[in-house]
Amino acid sequence: MHGIYRKLGIIAVMGTLAIAGAGCSALSASHVDCNVVKLQEQAGRSDAEIASALGTSEAAVASCHGPETSGNSTAGGAGASY
């Protein structure tokens, strides 16, 4: 039963990538959505597989590796207490 859910999950991810890749490619040919790349890395996909799915180069995918450069991590503010 878990195999079926895993296959459905993979199909859903591939569909999302196809839609995201089409949307991003309309903006700029060299732009790679690093959020999509990070999600695909977490799913266990290689740079080559991600690049192929997004229709871009492995170098563009590799440019998403490294520390996060957006968000509040550089703001120096204190975290909220919940």
PDB file of N, CA and C in Angstrom:
ATOM      1  N   MET A   1       0.820  -1.198   0.000  1.00  0.00           N
ATOM      2  CA  MET A   1       0.000   0.000   0.000  1.00  0.00           C
ATOM      3  C   MET A   1       0.863   1.262   0.000  1.00  0.00           C
ATOM      4  N   HIS A   2       2.004   1.201   0.729  1.00  0.00           N
ATOM      5  CA  HIS A   2       2.880   2.368   0.766  1.00  0.00           C
ATOM      6  C   HIS A   2       3.501   2.644  -0.601  1.00  0.00           C
ATOM      7  N   GLY A   3       3.718   1.587  -1.377  1.00  0.00           N
ATOM      8  CA  GLY A   3       4.293   1.746  -2.709  1.00  0.00           C
ATOM      9  C   GLY A   3       3.398   2.562  -3.619  1.00  0.00           C
ATOM     10  N   ILE A   4       2.108   2.367  -3.500  1.00  0.00           N
ATOM     11  CA  ILE A   4       1.150   3.119  -4.315  1.00  0.00           C
ATOM     12  C   ILE A   4       1.213   4.600  -3.963  1.00  0.00           C
ATOM     13  N   TYR A   5       1.241   4.906  -2.654  1.00  0.00           N
ATOM     14  CA  TYR A   5       1.307   6.305  -2.231  1.00  0.00           C
ATOM     15  C   TYR A   5       2.622   6.945  -2.642  1.00  0.00           C
ATOM     16  N   ARG A   6       3.694   6.175  -2.591  1.00  0.00           N
ATOM     17  CA  ARG A   6       4.985   6.707  -3.012  1.00  0.00           C
ATOM     18  C   ARG A   6       4.969   7.046  -4.501  1.00  0.00           C
ATOM     19  N   LYS A   7       4.409   6.149  -5.315  1.00  0.00           N
ATOM     20  CA  LYS A   7       4.321   6.401  -6.759  1.00  0.00           C
ATOM     21  C   LYS A   7       3.434   7.609  -7.049  1.00  0.00           C
ATOM     22  N   LEU A   8       2.323   7.724  -6.332  1.00  0.00           N
ATOM     23  CA  LEU A   8       1.452   8.888  -6.523  1.00  0.00           C
ATOM     24  C   LEU A   8       2.163  10.170  -6.128  1.00  0.00           C
ATOM     25  N   GLY A   9       2.941  10.110  -5.062  1.00  0.00           N
ATOM     26  CA  GLY A   9       3.709  11.277  -4.622  1.00  0.00           C
ATOM     27  C   GLY A   9       4.724  11.699  -5.664  1.00  0.00           C
ATOM     28  N   ILE A  10       5.409  10.714  -6.252  1.00  0.00           N
ATOM     29  CA  ILE A  10       6.395  11.015  -7.290  1.00  0.00           C
ATOM     30  C   ILE A  10       5.713  11.631  -8.504  1.00  0.00           C
ATOM     31  N   ILE A  11       4.570  11.095  -8.883  1.00  0.00           N
ATOM     32  CA  ILE A  11       3.824  11.647 -10.022  1.00  0.00           C
ATOM     33  C   ILE A  11       3.392  13.084  -9.728  1.00  0.00           C
ATOM     34  N   ALA A  12       2.941  13.332  -8.494  1.00  0.00           N
ATOM     35  CA  ALA A  12       2.525  14.685  -8.116  1.00  0.00           C
ATOM     36  C   ALA A  12       3.698  15.655  -8.171  1.00  0.00           C
ATOM     37  N   VAL A  13       4.864  15.209  -7.708  1.00  0.00           N
ATOM     38  CA  VAL A  13       6.057  16.060  -7.748  1.00  0.00           C
ATOM     39  C   VAL A  13       6.452  16.349  -9.188  1.00  0.00           C
ATOM     40  N   MET A  14       6.407  15.340 -10.044  1.00  0.00           N
ATOM     41  CA  MET A  14       6.765  15.552 -11.439  1.00  0.00           C
ATOM     42  C   MET A  14       5.797  16.531 -12.115  1.00  0.00           C
ATOM     43  N   GLY A  15       4.507  16.419 -11.792  1.00  0.00           N
ATOM     44  CA  GLY A  15       3.532  17.356 -12.338  1.00  0.00           C
ATOM     45  C   GLY A  15       3.784  18.772 -11.869  1.00  0.00           C
ATOM     46  N   THR A  16       4.110  18.899 -10.586  1.00  0.00           N
ATOM     47  CA  THR A  16       4.428  20.219 -10.029  1.00  0.00           C
ATOM     48  C   THR A  16       5.655  20.797 -10.713  1.00  0.00           C
ATOM     49  N   LEU A  17       6.667  19.963 -10.916  1.00  0.00           N
ATOM     50  CA  LEU A  17       7.871  20.434 -11.601  1.00  0.00           C
ATOM     51  C   LEU A  17       7.571  20.876 -13.023  1.00  0.00           C
ATOM     52  N   ALA A  18       6.731  20.141 -13.702  1.00  0.00           N
ATOM     53  CA  ALA A  18       6.389  20.503 -15.080  1.00  0.00           C
ATOM     54  C   ALA A  18       5.701  21.855 -15.120  1.00  0.00           C
ATOM     55  N   ILE A  19       4.783  22.070 -14.202  1.00  0.00           N
ATOM     56  CA  ILE A  19       4.068  23.347 -14.148  1.00  0.00           C
ATOM     57  C   ILE A  19       5.011  24.462 -13.718  1.00  0.00           C
ATOM     58  N   ALA A  20       5.814  24.207 -12.677  1.00  0.00           N
ATOM     59  CA  ALA A  20       6.748  25.227 -12.188  1.00  0.00           C
ATOM     60  C   ALA A  20       7.797  25.541 -13.249  1.00  0.00           C
ATOM     61  N   GLY A  21       8.286  24.515 -13.917  1.00  0.00           N
ATOM     62  CA  GLY A  21       9.282  24.732 -14.962  1.00  0.00           C
ATOM     63  C   GLY A  21       8.729  25.554 -16.106  1.00  0.00           C
ATOM     64  N   ALA A  22       7.499  25.294 -16.482  1.00  0.00           N
ATOM     65  CA  ALA A  22       6.881  26.058 -17.566  1.00  0.00           C
ATOM     66  C   ALA A  22       6.670  27.509 -17.148  1.00  0.00           C
ATOM     67  N   GLY A  23       6.250  27.717 -15.919  1.00  0.00           N
ATOM     68  CA  GLY A  23       6.016  29.078 -15.429  1.00  0.00           C
ATOM     69  C   GLY A  23       7.300  29.868 -15.295  1.00  0.00           C
ATOM     70  N   CYS A  24       8.332  29.246 -14.777  1.00  0.00           N
ATOM     71  CA  CYS A  24       9.602  29.938 -14.588  1.00  0.00           C
ATOM     72  C   CYS A  24      10.304  30.202 -15.908  1.00  0.00           C
ATOM     73  N   SER A  25      10.186  29.281 -16.837  1.00  0.00           N
ATOM     74  CA  SER A  25      10.868  29.482 -18.110  1.00  0.00           C
ATOM     75  C   SER A  25      10.258  30.638 -18.884  1.00  0.00           C
ATOM     76  N   ALA A  26       9.018  30.969 -18.603  1.00  0.00           N
ATOM     77  CA  ALA A  26       8.389  32.101 -19.269  1.00  0.00           C
ATOM     78  C   ALA A  26       8.975  33.419 -18.766  1.00  0.00           C
ATOM     79  N   LEU A  27       9.466  33.435 -17.525  1.00  0.00           N
ATOM     80  CA  LEU A  27      10.036  34.643 -16.955  1.00  0.00           C
ATOM     81  C   LEU A  27      11.443  34.895 -17.471  1.00  0.00           C
ATOM     82  N   SER A  28      12.260  33.867 -17.430  1.00  0.00           N
ATOM     83  CA  SER A  28      13.647  34.014 -17.824  1.00  0.00           C
ATOM     84  C   SER A  28      14.211  32.641 -18.139  1.00  0.00           C
ATOM     85  N   ALA A  29      14.999  32.551 -19.162  1.00  0.00           N
ATOM     86  CA  ALA A  29      15.548  31.260 -19.565  1.00  0.00           C
ATOM     87  C   ALA A  29      16.603  30.760 -18.593  1.00  0.00           C
ATOM     88  N   SER A  30      17.265  31.659 -17.857  1.00  0.00           N
ATOM     89  CA  SER A  30      18.355  31.242 -16.982  1.00  0.00           C
ATOM     90  C   SER A  30      17.937  31.161 -15.515  1.00  0.00           C
ATOM     91  N   HIS A  31      16.705  31.486 -15.199  1.00  0.00           N
ATOM     92  CA  HIS A  31      16.247  31.490 -13.812  1.00  0.00           C
ATOM     93  C   HIS A  31      15.896  30.080 -13.358  1.00  0.00           C
ATOM     94  N   VAL A  32      16.404  29.693 -12.177  1.00  0.00           N
ATOM     95  CA  VAL A  32      16.068  28.412 -11.571  1.00  0.00           C
ATOM     96  C   VAL A  32      15.429  28.713 -10.228  1.00  0.00           C
ATOM     97  N   ASP A  33      14.277  28.135  -9.970  1.00  0.00           N
ATOM     98  CA  ASP A  33      13.604  28.320  -8.696  1.00  0.00           C
ATOM     99  C   ASP A  33      14.271  27.420  -7.669  1.00  0.00           C
ATOM    100  N   CYS A  34      15.074  28.014  -6.786  1.00  0.00           N
ATOM    101  CA  CYS A  34      15.834  27.236  -5.808  1.00  0.00           C
ATOM    102  C   CYS A  34      14.931  26.537  -4.804  1.00  0.00           C
ATOM    103  N   ASN A  35      13.733  27.042  -4.584  1.00  0.00           N
ATOM    104  CA  ASN A  35      12.803  26.346  -3.691  1.00  0.00           C
ATOM    105  C   ASN A  35      12.407  24.998  -4.277  1.00  0.00           C
ATOM    106  N   VAL A  36      12.175  24.960  -5.581  1.00  0.00           N
ATOM    107  CA  VAL A  36      11.842  23.702  -6.247  1.00  0.00           C
ATOM    108  C   VAL A  36      13.042  22.760  -6.195  1.00  0.00           C
ATOM    109  N   VAL A  37      14.238  23.305  -6.412  1.00  0.00           N
ATOM    110  CA  VAL A  37      15.451  22.489  -6.368  1.00  0.00           C
ATOM    111  C   VAL A  37      15.626  21.874  -4.987  1.00  0.00           C
ATOM    112  N   LYS A  38      15.451  22.671  -3.939  1.00  0.00           N
ATOM    113  CA  LYS A  38      15.622  22.157  -2.576  1.00  0.00           C
ATOM    114  C   LYS A  38      14.588  21.083  -2.252  1.00  0.00           C
ATOM    115  N   LEU A  39      13.358  21.260  -2.699  1.00  0.00           N
ATOM    116  CA  LEU A  39      12.336  20.237  -2.485  1.00  0.00           C
ATOM    117  C   LEU A  39      12.703  18.938  -3.197  1.00  0.00           C
ATOM    118  N   GLN A  40      13.234  19.060  -4.389  1.00  0.00           N
ATOM    119  CA  GLN A  40      13.617  17.872  -5.139  1.00  0.00           C
ATOM    120  C   GLN A  40      14.830  17.182  -4.516  1.00  0.00           C
ATOM    121  N   GLU A  41      15.757  17.976  -3.969  1.00  0.00           N
ATOM    122  CA  GLU A  41      16.895  17.388  -3.255  1.00  0.00           C
ATOM    123  C   GLU A  41      16.408  16.596  -2.053  1.00  0.00           C
ATOM    124  N   GLN A  42      15.441  17.154  -1.329  1.00  0.00           N
ATOM    125  CA  GLN A  42      14.895  16.471  -0.164  1.00  0.00           C
ATOM    126  C   GLN A  42      14.192  15.183  -0.569  1.00  0.00           C
ATOM    127  N   ALA A  43      13.678  15.135  -1.783  1.00  0.00           N
ATOM    128  CA  ALA A  43      13.014  13.931  -2.287  1.00  0.00           C
ATOM    129  C   ALA A  43      14.026  12.899  -2.779  1.00  0.00           C
ATOM    130  N   GLY A  44      15.317  13.247  -2.746  1.00  0.00           N
ATOM    131  CA  GLY A  44      16.360  12.301  -3.112  1.00  0.00           C
ATOM    132  C   GLY A  44      16.779  12.318  -4.565  1.00  0.00           C
ATOM    133  N   ARG A  45      16.408  13.347  -5.294  1.00  0.00           N
ATOM    134  CA  ARG A  45      16.767  13.417  -6.714  1.00  0.00           C
ATOM    135  C   ARG A  45      18.143  14.040  -6.882  1.00  0.00           C
ATOM    136  N   SER A  46      18.873  13.597  -7.883  1.00  0.00           N
ATOM    137  CA  SER A  46      20.207  14.126  -8.173  1.00  0.00           C
ATOM    138  C   SER A  46      20.093  15.442  -8.948  1.00  0.00           C
ATOM    139  N   ASP A  47      21.218  16.164  -9.012  1.00  0.00           N
ATOM    140  CA  ASP A  47      21.236  17.412  -9.783  1.00  0.00           C
ATOM    141  C   ASP A  47      20.880  17.159 -11.244  1.00  0.00           C
ATOM    142  N   ALA A  48      21.376  16.050 -11.789  1.00  0.00           N
ATOM    143  CA  ALA A  48      21.098  15.736 -13.194  1.00  0.00           C
ATOM    144  C   ALA A  48      19.608  15.501 -13.420  1.00  0.00           C
ATOM    145  N   GLU A  49      18.964  14.785 -12.498  1.00  0.00           N
ATOM    146  CA  GLU A  49      17.526  14.527 -12.625  1.00  0.00           C
ATOM    147  C   GLU A  49      16.727  15.817 -12.497  1.00  0.00           C
ATOM    148  N   ILE A  50      17.118  16.664 -11.548  1.00  0.00           N
ATOM    149  CA  ILE A  50      16.415  17.937 -11.342  1.00  0.00           C
ATOM    150  C   ILE A  50      16.582  18.823 -12.571  1.00  0.00           C
ATOM    151  N   ALA A  51      17.810  18.915 -13.078  1.00  0.00           N
ATOM    152  CA  ALA A  51      18.067  19.748 -14.258  1.00  0.00           C
ATOM    153  C   ALA A  51      17.251  19.272 -15.446  1.00  0.00           C
ATOM    154  N   SER A  52      17.178  17.964 -15.626  1.00  0.00           N
ATOM    155  CA  SER A  52      16.401  17.416 -16.740  1.00  0.00           C
ATOM    156  C   SER A  52      14.921  17.745 -16.592  1.00  0.00           C
ATOM    157  N   ALA A  53      14.391  17.604 -15.377  1.00  0.00           N
ATOM    158  CA  ALA A  53      12.973  17.879 -15.146  1.00  0.00           C
ATOM    159  C   ALA A  53      12.647  19.360 -15.336  1.00  0.00           C
ATOM    160  N   LEU A  54      13.593  20.230 -14.976  1.00  0.00           N
ATOM    161  CA  LEU A  54      13.348  21.672 -15.094  1.00  0.00           C
ATOM    162  C   LEU A  54      13.759  22.231 -16.448  1.00  0.00           C
ATOM    163  N   GLY A  55      14.424  21.416 -17.255  1.00  0.00           N
ATOM    164  CA  GLY A  55      14.857  21.883 -18.567  1.00  0.00           C
ATOM    165  C   GLY A  55      15.966  22.907 -18.476  1.00  0.00           C
ATOM    166  N   THR A  56      16.894  22.697 -17.559  1.00  0.00           N
ATOM    167  CA  THR A  56      17.998  23.636 -17.363  1.00  0.00           C
ATOM    168  C   THR A  56      19.293  22.851 -17.218  1.00  0.00           C
ATOM    169  N   SER A  57      20.383  23.542 -16.976  1.00  0.00           N
ATOM    170  CA  SER A  57      21.678  22.876 -16.852  1.00  0.00           C
ATOM    171  C   SER A  57      21.936  22.450 -15.406  1.00  0.00           C
ATOM    172  N   GLU A  58      22.850  21.491 -15.254  1.00  0.00           N
ATOM    173  CA  GLU A  58      23.236  21.069 -13.911  1.00  0.00           C
ATOM    174  C   GLU A  58      23.926  22.210 -13.171  1.00  0.00           C
ATOM    175  N   ALA A  59      24.631  23.067 -13.897  1.00  0.00           N
ATOM    176  CA  ALA A  59      25.302  24.212 -13.271  1.00  0.00           C
ATOM    177  C   ALA A  59      24.280  25.167 -12.656  1.00  0.00           C
ATOM    178  N   ALA A  60      23.158  25.361 -13.345  1.00  0.00           N
ATOM    179  CA  ALA A  60      22.111  26.233 -12.817  1.00  0.00           C
ATOM    180  C   ALA A  60      21.507  25.631 -11.553  1.00  0.00           C
ATOM    181  N   VAL A  61      21.327  24.307 -11.548  1.00  0.00           N
ATOM    182  CA  VAL A  61      20.805  23.630 -10.361  1.00  0.00           C
ATOM    183  C   VAL A  61      21.821  23.720  -9.229  1.00  0.00           C
ATOM    184  N   ALA A  62      23.093  23.517  -9.547  1.00  0.00           N
ATOM    185  CA  ALA A  62      24.151  23.566  -8.537  1.00  0.00           C
ATOM    186  C   ALA A  62      24.267  24.952  -7.906  1.00  0.00           C
ATOM    187  N   SER A  63      23.853  25.995  -8.626  1.00  0.00           N
ATOM    188  CA  SER A  63      23.931  27.351  -8.078  1.00  0.00           C
ATOM    189  C   SER A  63      22.977  27.546  -6.898  1.00  0.00           C
ATOM    190  N   CYS A  64      22.036  26.618  -6.724  1.00  0.00           N
ATOM    191  CA  CYS A  64      21.092  26.709  -5.611  1.00  0.00           C
ATOM    192  C   CYS A  64      21.644  26.083  -4.329  1.00  0.00           C
ATOM    193  N   HIS A  65      22.766  25.370  -4.414  1.00  0.00           N
ATOM    194  CA  HIS A  65      23.351  24.753  -3.227  1.00  0.00           C
ATOM    195  C   HIS A  65      24.003  25.810  -2.346  1.00  0.00           C
ATOM    196  N   GLY A  66      24.119  25.516  -1.078  1.00  0.00           N
ATOM    197  CA  GLY A  66      24.782  26.424  -0.156  1.00  0.00           C
ATOM    198  C   GLY A  66      23.796  27.017   0.823  1.00  0.00           C
ATOM    199  N   PRO A  67      24.285  27.941   1.651  1.00  0.00           N
ATOM    200  CA  PRO A  67      23.410  28.533   2.667  1.00  0.00           C
ATOM    201  C   PRO A  67      22.315  29.394   2.061  1.00  0.00           C
ATOM    202  N   GLU A  68      21.210  29.449   2.764  1.00  0.00           N
ATOM    203  CA  GLU A  68      20.081  30.253   2.298  1.00  0.00           C
ATOM    204  C   GLU A  68      20.460  31.723   2.359  1.00  0.00           C
ATOM    205  N   THR A  69      20.096  32.466   1.318  1.00  0.00           N
ATOM    206  CA  THR A  69      20.456  33.884   1.261  1.00  0.00           C
ATOM    207  C   THR A  69      19.239  34.787   1.326  1.00  0.00           C
ATOM    208  N   SER A  70      18.080  34.239   1.620  1.00  0.00           N
ATOM    209  CA  SER A  70      16.883  35.059   1.728  1.00  0.00           C
ATOM    210  C   SER A  70      16.203  34.782   3.055  1.00  0.00           C
ATOM    211  N   GLY A  71      15.213  35.547   3.359  1.00  0.00           N
ATOM    212  CA  GLY A  71      14.483  35.341   4.607  1.00  0.00           C
ATOM    213  C   GLY A  71      15.044  36.182   5.732  1.00  0.00           C
ATOM    214  N   ASN A  72      14.745  35.814   6.961  1.00  0.00           N
ATOM    215  CA  ASN A  72      15.137  36.597   8.128  1.00  0.00           C
ATOM    216  C   ASN A  72      16.489  36.199   8.690  1.00  0.00           C
ATOM    217  N   SER A  73      17.179  35.254   8.082  1.00  0.00           N
ATOM    218  CA  SER A  73      18.438  34.783   8.640  1.00  0.00           C
ATOM    219  C   SER A  73      19.505  35.871   8.680  1.00  0.00           C
ATOM    220  N   THR A  74      19.412  36.898   7.822  1.00  0.00           N
ATOM    221  CA  THR A  74      20.395  37.978   7.821  1.00  0.00           C
ATOM    222  C   THR A  74      19.862  39.248   8.466  1.00  0.00           C
ATOM    223  N   ALA A  75      18.643  39.223   8.915  1.00  0.00           N
ATOM    224  CA  ALA A  75      18.048  40.436   9.486  1.00  0.00           C
ATOM    225  C   ALA A  75      18.577  40.743  10.864  1.00  0.00           C
ATOM    226  N   GLY A  76      19.075  39.736  11.581  1.00  0.00           N
ATOM    227  CA  GLY A  76      19.623  39.971  12.912  1.00  0.00           C
ATOM    228  C   GLY A  76      18.573  40.116  13.983  1.00  0.00           C
ATOM    229  N   GLY A  77      17.338  39.894  13.649  1.00  0.00           N
ATOM    230  CA  GLY A  77      16.266  40.016  14.633  1.00  0.00           C
ATOM    231  C   GLY A  77      16.148  38.771  15.476  1.00  0.00           C
ATOM    232  N   ALA A  78      15.487  38.936  16.614  1.00  0.00           N
ATOM    233  CA  ALA A  78      15.262  37.801  17.495  1.00  0.00           C
ATOM    234  C   ALA A  78      14.054  36.997  16.987  1.00  0.00           C
ATOM    235  N   GLY A  79      14.097  35.717  17.202  1.00  0.00           N
ATOM    236  CA  GLY A  79      12.995  34.864  16.794  1.00  0.00           C
ATOM    237  C   GLY A  79      11.779  35.081  17.675  1.00  0.00           C
ATOM    238  N   ALA A  80      10.637  34.812  17.140  1.00  0.00           N
ATOM    239  CA  ALA A  80       9.392  34.970  17.896  1.00  0.00           C
ATOM    240  C   ALA A  80       9.219  33.798  18.856  1.00  0.00           C
ATOM    241  N   SER A  81       8.678  34.077  20.033  1.00  0.00           N
ATOM    242  CA  SER A  81       8.404  32.988  20.969  1.00  0.00           C
ATOM    243  C   SER A  81       6.941  32.594  20.817  1.00  0.00           C
ATOM    244  N   TYR A  82       6.725  31.323  20.722  1.00  0.00           N
ATOM    245  CA  TYR A  82       5.373  30.823  20.513  1.00  0.00           C
ATOM    246  C   TYR A  82       4.875  30.119  21.730  1.00  0.00           C
TER     247      TYR A  82
END
